[in-house]
Structures are given as C-alpha cells and as structure tokens.
C-alpha cells in the first residue's frame, strides 16, 4: 500500500519515487509530531506509513520524548515543526510547487483509498490537535 501512495505522490507532484518517499516521510513525521488525528488513523490502516514517519524523524533528529512532543503541540512548537518541515522538504530538493502539491496529493489518495479526510493543505497540519478520544491511541 505504501508503495502505491509513493507512486501516486511521485506522479501527481512531478517527483522521483525517492523524492516522493522522502517527502512523505517528512510530512507524516511532522503531522505525527503535531498530534494529527489523520496521521494516527493512517498509521492504523497502513502501519508501514508509521514506520516511514519514524525513519524520517530519526534521520532528521526529530523529537521523540513525550514532553518534547507536547511542547511541539503548543502554538510556538507547532510553528517550529511546520517551519522545519518546509526547510527539510527544500533540503530534500523539492521546489515550491512540489511542496504545495504534497498535501492535496496525500489527501486525495487517502480519501479515495481509505475514506480519510482532513489533510488537504498545510493549515490542516497546524490545526486539529489531538482530542481526548484520540489520546487513547497514544502510548504514555
């Protein structure tokens, strides 16, 4: 399933498969660090997407501790995560149009394939914090 999503992003956003995989990992890691309900649901459906997110986070040196993750979900932390995500996508060689196309590409695929909604643009990463119901999925 993950290979199909990567192929879709590559085709949809005019990237190589390697660029699409790297970009997807960066975006999913940032989304996960923000407590996105979308990413938690996607990782349940597609566990390998969670593995890609973790791999990207490890390569980028992203925060992994519980306290650090909570700090990243404060307003200042959310902005920092989003800014670093854009910077990391640029370092991976993506241009502005490719970055702009990532969220709709991921969203369109996940909505069509799995019925998941709520991840169409960068603003979705910066809004929708985890709710009490969603935190039942979190590991303490």
N, C-alpha and C. Protein backbone atom coordinates (compact mmCIF):
# COMPACT_ATOMS: atom_id res chain seq x y z
N UNK A 1 0.81 -1.19 0.00
CA UNK A 1 0.00 0.00 0.00
C UNK A 1 0.86 1.27 0.00
N UNK A 2 1.93 1.26 0.81
CA UNK A 2 2.78 2.44 0.89
C UNK A 2 3.42 2.74 -0.46
N UNK A 3 3.83 1.69 -1.16
CA UNK A 3 4.44 1.88 -2.49
C UNK A 3 3.47 2.54 -3.45
N UNK A 4 2.19 2.19 -3.35
CA UNK A 4 1.17 2.80 -4.21
C UNK A 4 1.01 4.28 -3.89
N UNK A 5 1.01 4.63 -2.59
CA UNK A 5 0.90 6.02 -2.18
C UNK A 5 2.11 6.82 -2.67
N UNK A 6 3.30 6.26 -2.54
CA UNK A 6 4.52 6.93 -3.00
C UNK A 6 4.47 7.13 -4.51
N UNK A 7 4.04 6.12 -5.24
CA UNK A 7 3.93 6.23 -6.70
C UNK A 7 2.92 7.31 -7.08
N UNK A 8 1.81 7.38 -6.36
CA UNK A 8 0.80 8.41 -6.62
C UNK A 8 1.39 9.80 -6.40
N UNK A 9 2.08 10.00 -5.29
CA UNK A 9 2.67 11.31 -4.99
C UNK A 9 3.71 11.68 -6.05
N UNK A 10 4.55 10.72 -6.42
CA UNK A 10 5.58 10.98 -7.44
C UNK A 10 4.95 11.43 -8.75
N UNK A 11 3.93 10.73 -9.18
CA UNK A 11 3.26 11.05 -10.42
C UNK A 11 2.51 12.37 -10.34
N UNK A 12 1.80 12.55 -9.24
CA UNK A 12 0.94 13.71 -9.05
C UNK A 12 1.73 15.00 -8.84
N UNK A 13 2.92 14.89 -8.25
CA UNK A 13 3.69 16.07 -7.87
C UNK A 13 4.97 16.26 -8.67
N UNK A 14 5.14 15.49 -9.73
CA UNK A 14 6.32 15.61 -10.61
C UNK A 14 7.62 15.44 -9.82
N UNK A 15 7.73 14.30 -9.12
CA UNK A 15 8.92 13.97 -8.34
C UNK A 15 9.38 12.57 -8.71
N UNK A 16 10.63 12.28 -8.37
CA UNK A 16 11.10 10.89 -8.48
C UNK A 16 10.45 10.11 -7.33
N UNK A 17 10.46 8.80 -7.44
CA UNK A 17 9.90 7.97 -6.36
C UNK A 17 10.68 8.19 -5.06
N UNK A 18 12.00 8.35 -5.16
CA UNK A 18 12.81 8.57 -3.97
C UNK A 18 12.45 9.91 -3.31
N UNK A 19 12.30 10.94 -4.12
CA UNK A 19 11.90 12.24 -3.58
C UNK A 19 10.52 12.14 -2.91
N UNK A 20 9.60 11.44 -3.56
CA UNK A 20 8.26 11.29 -3.00
C UNK A 20 8.28 10.54 -1.68
N UNK A 21 9.09 9.50 -1.59
CA UNK A 21 9.19 8.74 -0.34
C UNK A 21 9.79 9.61 0.77
N UNK A 22 10.85 10.33 0.45
CA UNK A 22 11.47 11.22 1.43
C UNK A 22 10.48 12.28 1.88
N UNK A 23 9.81 12.91 0.92
CA UNK A 23 8.85 13.97 1.24
C UNK A 23 7.70 13.44 2.09
N UNK A 24 7.18 12.29 1.74
CA UNK A 24 6.08 11.70 2.51
C UNK A 24 6.52 11.43 3.95
N UNK A 25 7.71 10.90 4.12
CA UNK A 25 8.23 10.64 5.46
C UNK A 25 8.33 11.92 6.28
N UNK A 26 8.84 12.97 5.67
CA UNK A 26 8.97 14.27 6.35
C UNK A 26 7.60 14.81 6.76
N UNK A 27 6.66 14.78 5.83
CA UNK A 27 5.32 15.31 6.11
C UNK A 27 4.60 14.48 7.17
N UNK A 28 4.66 13.17 7.07
CA UNK A 28 3.99 12.32 8.05
C UNK A 28 4.61 12.48 9.43
N UNK A 29 5.94 12.63 9.49
CA UNK A 29 6.59 12.82 10.79
C UNK A 29 6.15 14.13 11.43
N UNK A 30 6.13 15.19 10.63
CA UNK A 30 5.68 16.49 11.16
C UNK A 30 4.23 16.40 11.62
N UNK A 31 3.41 15.75 10.84
CA UNK A 31 2.00 15.60 11.19
C UNK A 31 1.83 14.80 12.47
N UNK A 32 2.57 13.72 12.59
CA UNK A 32 2.51 12.89 13.80
C UNK A 32 2.95 13.68 15.02
N UNK A 33 4.01 14.45 14.87
CA UNK A 33 4.52 15.25 15.99
C UNK A 33 3.52 16.32 16.42
N UNK A 34 2.64 16.70 15.53
CA UNK A 34 1.61 17.68 15.85
C UNK A 34 0.38 17.04 16.46
N UNK A 35 0.37 15.72 16.56
CA UNK A 35 -0.77 15.03 17.14
C UNK A 35 -1.94 14.92 16.19
N UNK A 36 -1.67 14.92 14.90
CA UNK A 36 -2.72 14.87 13.89
C UNK A 36 -3.52 13.57 13.98
N UNK A 37 -4.83 13.70 14.11
CA UNK A 37 -5.71 12.53 14.11
C UNK A 37 -5.62 11.80 12.77
N UNK A 38 -5.42 12.55 11.68
CA UNK A 38 -5.30 11.95 10.35
C UNK A 38 -4.14 10.96 10.33
N UNK A 39 -2.96 11.39 10.80
CA UNK A 39 -1.80 10.50 10.74
C UNK A 39 -2.00 9.28 11.64
N UNK A 40 -2.61 9.45 12.80
CA UNK A 40 -2.86 8.30 13.67
C UNK A 40 -3.78 7.29 12.99
N UNK A 41 -4.82 7.78 12.32
CA UNK A 41 -5.73 6.87 11.60
C UNK A 41 -5.02 6.20 10.43
N UNK A 42 -4.19 6.98 9.71
CA UNK A 42 -3.46 6.41 8.57
C UNK A 42 -2.50 5.32 9.04
N UNK A 43 -1.82 5.53 10.16
CA UNK A 43 -0.85 4.55 10.66
C UNK A 43 -1.54 3.26 11.09
N UNK A 44 -2.80 3.35 11.52
CA UNK A 44 -3.55 2.13 11.85
C UNK A 44 -3.89 1.34 10.59
N UNK A 45 -4.24 2.07 9.55
CA UNK A 45 -4.60 1.42 8.28
C UNK A 45 -3.35 0.94 7.55
N UNK A 46 -2.30 1.73 7.60
CA UNK A 46 -1.08 1.47 6.85
C UNK A 46 0.12 1.59 7.80
N UNK A 47 0.41 0.55 8.58
CA UNK A 47 1.49 0.63 9.56
C UNK A 47 2.85 1.01 8.96
N UNK A 48 3.07 0.64 7.72
CA UNK A 48 4.35 0.98 7.09
C UNK A 48 4.51 2.49 6.91
N UNK A 49 3.41 3.23 6.88
CA UNK A 49 3.49 4.70 6.85
C UNK A 49 4.02 5.23 8.18
N UNK A 50 3.62 4.60 9.27
CA UNK A 50 4.15 4.95 10.58
C UNK A 50 5.64 4.66 10.68
N UNK A 51 6.06 3.55 10.07
CA UNK A 51 7.48 3.20 10.04
C UNK A 51 8.27 4.22 9.22
N UNK A 52 7.71 4.67 8.11
CA UNK A 52 8.37 5.69 7.29
C UNK A 52 8.48 7.00 8.06
N UNK A 53 7.43 7.36 8.80
CA UNK A 53 7.45 8.57 9.62
C UNK A 53 8.55 8.49 10.67
N UNK A 54 8.65 7.35 11.35
CA UNK A 54 9.67 7.17 12.38
C UNK A 54 11.08 7.22 11.79
N UNK A 55 11.25 6.60 10.63
CA UNK A 55 12.56 6.62 9.95
C UNK A 55 12.94 8.05 9.58
N UNK A 56 12.00 8.80 9.04
CA UNK A 56 12.27 10.20 8.68
C UNK A 56 12.62 11.01 9.92
N UNK A 57 11.88 10.80 10.99
CA UNK A 57 12.15 11.52 12.24
C UNK A 57 13.53 11.22 12.78
N UNK A 58 13.93 9.95 12.70
CA UNK A 58 15.26 9.56 13.16
C UNK A 58 16.34 10.23 12.32
N UNK A 59 16.16 10.21 11.00
CA UNK A 59 17.14 10.82 10.10
C UNK A 59 17.24 12.33 10.30
N UNK A 60 16.13 12.96 10.66
CA UNK A 60 16.09 14.41 10.84
C UNK A 60 16.44 14.84 12.26
N UNK A 61 16.51 13.89 13.18
CA UNK A 61 16.77 14.22 14.57
C UNK A 61 15.56 14.83 15.27
N UNK A 62 14.38 14.43 14.85
CA UNK A 62 13.14 14.97 15.41
C UNK A 62 12.95 14.51 16.86
N UNK A 63 12.23 15.31 17.60
CA UNK A 63 11.93 14.99 19.00
C UNK A 63 11.14 13.70 19.09
N UNK A 64 11.44 12.90 20.10
CA UNK A 64 10.71 11.65 20.30
C UNK A 64 10.13 11.52 21.70
N UNK A 65 10.62 12.29 22.65
CA UNK A 65 10.15 12.18 24.02
C UNK A 65 8.75 12.74 24.20
N UNK A 66 8.06 12.25 25.20
CA UNK A 66 6.68 12.66 25.47
C UNK A 66 6.61 14.16 25.74
N UNK A 67 7.49 14.68 26.58
CA UNK A 67 7.46 16.11 26.92
C UNK A 67 7.78 16.95 25.67
N UNK A 68 8.79 16.54 24.93
CA UNK A 68 9.15 17.28 23.71
C UNK A 68 7.99 17.30 22.73
N UNK A 69 7.30 16.18 22.60
CA UNK A 69 6.16 16.12 21.68
C UNK A 69 5.04 17.04 22.15
N UNK A 70 4.82 17.11 23.45
CA UNK A 70 3.79 18.02 23.97
C UNK A 70 4.17 19.48 23.70
N UNK A 71 5.43 19.80 23.86
CA UNK A 71 5.90 21.16 23.58
C UNK A 71 5.69 21.48 22.10
N UNK A 72 5.92 20.50 21.23
CA UNK A 72 5.73 20.72 19.80
C UNK A 72 4.26 20.96 19.43
N UNK A 73 3.36 20.68 20.34
CA UNK A 73 1.94 20.89 20.07
C UNK A 73 1.41 22.20 20.65
N UNK A 74 2.31 23.00 21.25
CA UNK A 74 1.94 24.35 21.68
C UNK A 74 1.96 25.24 20.44
N UNK A 75 1.38 26.43 20.50
CA UNK A 75 1.40 27.30 19.30
C UNK A 75 2.81 27.55 18.75
N UNK A 76 3.75 27.87 19.62
CA UNK A 76 5.12 28.10 19.14
C UNK A 76 5.77 26.84 18.60
N UNK A 77 5.51 25.73 19.28
CA UNK A 77 6.05 24.45 18.83
C UNK A 77 5.48 24.03 17.49
N UNK A 78 4.19 24.28 17.30
CA UNK A 78 3.54 23.93 16.03
C UNK A 78 4.17 24.70 14.88
N UNK A 79 4.43 25.98 15.11
CA UNK A 79 5.05 26.79 14.07
C UNK A 79 6.47 26.30 13.78
N UNK A 80 7.19 25.93 14.82
CA UNK A 80 8.55 25.43 14.65
C UNK A 80 8.57 24.13 13.84
N UNK A 81 7.65 23.22 14.14
CA UNK A 81 7.57 21.95 13.41
C UNK A 81 7.24 22.21 11.93
N UNK A 82 6.28 23.09 11.68
CA UNK A 82 5.89 23.39 10.29
C UNK A 82 7.04 24.04 9.53
N UNK A 83 7.74 24.98 10.18
CA UNK A 83 8.87 25.65 9.53
C UNK A 83 9.98 24.67 9.22
N UNK A 84 10.29 23.80 10.18
CA UNK A 84 11.36 22.82 9.94
C UNK A 84 10.94 21.81 8.87
N UNK A 85 9.65 21.48 8.80
CA UNK A 85 9.18 20.58 7.76
C UNK A 85 9.42 21.18 6.38
N UNK A 86 9.07 22.44 6.20
CA UNK A 86 9.28 23.10 4.91
C UNK A 86 10.77 23.15 4.58
N UNK A 87 11.57 23.50 5.57
CA UNK A 87 13.02 23.57 5.36
C UNK A 87 13.57 22.19 4.97
N UNK A 88 13.11 21.13 5.63
CA UNK A 88 13.57 19.78 5.31
C UNK A 88 13.12 19.34 3.92
N UNK A 89 11.93 19.73 3.52
CA UNK A 89 11.46 19.42 2.17
C UNK A 89 12.31 20.14 1.13
N UNK A 90 12.68 21.38 1.41
CA UNK A 90 13.54 22.12 0.50
C UNK A 90 14.93 21.48 0.44
N UNK A 91 15.46 21.06 1.58
CA UNK A 91 16.77 20.39 1.61
C UNK A 91 16.73 19.08 0.83
N UNK A 92 15.56 18.45 0.77
CA UNK A 92 15.40 17.21 0.01
C UNK A 92 15.29 17.47 -1.49
N UNK A 93 15.34 18.75 -1.88
CA UNK A 93 15.35 19.09 -3.30
C UNK A 93 14.00 19.44 -3.89
N UNK A 94 12.98 19.59 -3.07
CA UNK A 94 11.65 19.92 -3.59
C UNK A 94 11.51 21.42 -3.80
N UNK A 95 10.83 21.77 -4.88
CA UNK A 95 10.52 23.16 -5.17
C UNK A 95 9.20 23.56 -4.55
N UNK A 96 8.88 24.83 -4.67
CA UNK A 96 7.65 25.36 -4.07
C UNK A 96 6.40 24.65 -4.59
N UNK A 97 6.32 24.42 -5.88
CA UNK A 97 5.13 23.77 -6.44
C UNK A 97 5.01 22.32 -5.96
N UNK A 98 6.14 21.64 -5.84
CA UNK A 98 6.09 20.26 -5.36
C UNK A 98 5.63 20.22 -3.90
N UNK A 99 6.16 21.14 -3.09
CA UNK A 99 5.76 21.20 -1.68
C UNK A 99 4.27 21.53 -1.58
N UNK A 100 3.83 22.50 -2.36
CA UNK A 100 2.42 22.90 -2.33
C UNK A 100 1.50 21.75 -2.74
N UNK A 101 1.97 20.88 -3.62
CA UNK A 101 1.14 19.78 -4.09
C UNK A 101 1.12 18.56 -3.19
N UNK A 102 2.02 18.50 -2.21
CA UNK A 102 2.10 17.31 -1.36
C UNK A 102 0.83 17.04 -0.57
N UNK A 103 0.33 18.03 0.14
CA UNK A 103 -0.83 17.81 1.00
C UNK A 103 -2.06 17.38 0.19
N UNK A 104 -2.38 18.09 -0.89
CA UNK A 104 -3.54 17.62 -1.68
C UNK A 104 -3.33 16.23 -2.27
N UNK A 105 -2.11 15.92 -2.68
CA UNK A 105 -1.83 14.61 -3.25
C UNK A 105 -2.03 13.50 -2.22
N UNK A 106 -1.48 13.70 -1.03
CA UNK A 106 -1.65 12.72 0.06
C UNK A 106 -3.13 12.60 0.42
N UNK A 107 -3.78 13.74 0.56
CA UNK A 107 -5.18 13.77 0.95
C UNK A 107 -6.08 13.07 -0.08
N UNK A 108 -5.89 13.40 -1.35
CA UNK A 108 -6.73 12.81 -2.39
C UNK A 108 -6.60 11.29 -2.42
N UNK A 109 -5.36 10.80 -2.31
CA UNK A 109 -5.14 9.36 -2.31
C UNK A 109 -5.81 8.70 -1.10
N UNK A 110 -5.58 9.26 0.07
CA UNK A 110 -6.11 8.65 1.30
C UNK A 110 -7.63 8.73 1.39
N UNK A 111 -8.19 9.80 0.84
CA UNK A 111 -9.65 9.90 0.84
C UNK A 111 -10.25 8.88 -0.13
N UNK A 112 -9.67 8.78 -1.33
CA UNK A 112 -10.20 7.83 -2.32
C UNK A 112 -9.99 6.38 -1.89
N UNK A 113 -8.85 6.09 -1.32
CA UNK A 113 -8.50 4.70 -1.00
C UNK A 113 -9.04 4.24 0.35
N UNK A 114 -9.01 5.14 1.36
CA UNK A 114 -9.35 4.73 2.72
C UNK A 114 -10.49 5.52 3.35
N UNK A 115 -11.00 6.54 2.66
CA UNK A 115 -12.06 7.37 3.22
C UNK A 115 -11.58 8.36 4.27
N UNK A 116 -10.27 8.58 4.37
CA UNK A 116 -9.72 9.53 5.33
C UNK A 116 -9.82 10.94 4.78
N UNK A 117 -10.25 11.87 5.63
CA UNK A 117 -10.38 13.27 5.23
C UNK A 117 -9.66 14.16 6.23
N UNK A 118 -9.39 15.41 5.81
CA UNK A 118 -8.86 16.39 6.74
C UNK A 118 -7.38 16.64 6.67
N UNK A 119 -6.78 16.51 5.49
CA UNK A 119 -5.34 16.69 5.36
C UNK A 119 -5.03 17.30 4.01
N UNK A 120 -5.80 18.29 3.59
CA UNK A 120 -5.68 18.79 2.23
C UNK A 120 -4.65 19.89 2.04
N UNK A 121 -4.25 20.56 3.13
CA UNK A 121 -3.26 21.64 2.96
C UNK A 121 -2.48 21.83 4.25
N UNK A 122 -1.45 22.67 4.21
CA UNK A 122 -0.57 22.88 5.34
C UNK A 122 -1.33 23.31 6.59
N UNK A 123 -2.40 24.06 6.43
CA UNK A 123 -3.19 24.50 7.57
C UNK A 123 -3.75 23.35 8.38
N UNK A 124 -4.00 22.21 7.75
CA UNK A 124 -4.51 21.05 8.47
C UNK A 124 -3.46 20.51 9.43
N UNK A 125 -2.21 20.65 9.08
CA UNK A 125 -1.14 20.22 9.98
C UNK A 125 -1.10 21.14 11.20
N UNK A 126 -1.38 22.41 11.00
CA UNK A 126 -1.26 23.39 12.07
C UNK A 126 -2.52 23.51 12.91
N UNK A 127 -3.60 22.88 12.52
CA UNK A 127 -4.83 22.95 13.32
C UNK A 127 -5.08 21.60 13.96
N UNK A 128 -6.21 21.09 13.98
CA UNK A 128 -6.63 19.79 14.50
C UNK A 128 -5.69 19.11 15.50
N UNK A 129 -5.57 19.66 16.73
CA UNK A 129 -4.80 18.95 17.74
C UNK A 129 -5.53 17.70 18.20
N UNK A 130 -4.81 16.81 18.82
CA UNK A 130 -5.37 15.56 19.32
C UNK A 130 -6.47 15.85 20.35
N UNK A 131 -7.54 15.11 20.30
CA UNK A 131 -8.62 15.25 21.27
C UNK A 131 -8.47 14.17 22.33
N UNK A 132 -9.30 14.24 23.38
CA UNK A 132 -9.23 13.22 24.43
C UNK A 132 -9.49 11.84 23.88
N UNK A 133 -10.40 11.72 22.93
CA UNK A 133 -10.69 10.42 22.34
C UNK A 133 -9.48 9.92 21.58
N UNK A 134 -8.80 10.81 20.84
CA UNK A 134 -7.63 10.41 20.07
C UNK A 134 -6.48 9.98 20.96
N UNK A 135 -6.33 10.57 22.15
CA UNK A 135 -5.20 10.26 23.00
C UNK A 135 -5.27 8.83 23.54
N UNK A 136 -6.40 8.18 23.44
CA UNK A 136 -6.48 6.79 23.85
C UNK A 136 -5.57 5.92 22.98
N UNK A 137 -5.25 6.41 21.79
CA UNK A 137 -4.36 5.69 20.89
C UNK A 137 -2.90 5.94 21.21
N UNK A 138 -2.60 6.95 22.00
CA UNK A 138 -1.22 7.33 22.29
C UNK A 138 -0.62 6.39 23.33
N UNK A 139 0.67 6.26 23.26
CA UNK A 139 1.40 5.45 24.23
C UNK A 139 2.01 6.41 25.24
N UNK A 140 1.77 6.16 26.51
CA UNK A 140 2.31 7.05 27.56
C UNK A 140 3.67 6.58 28.01
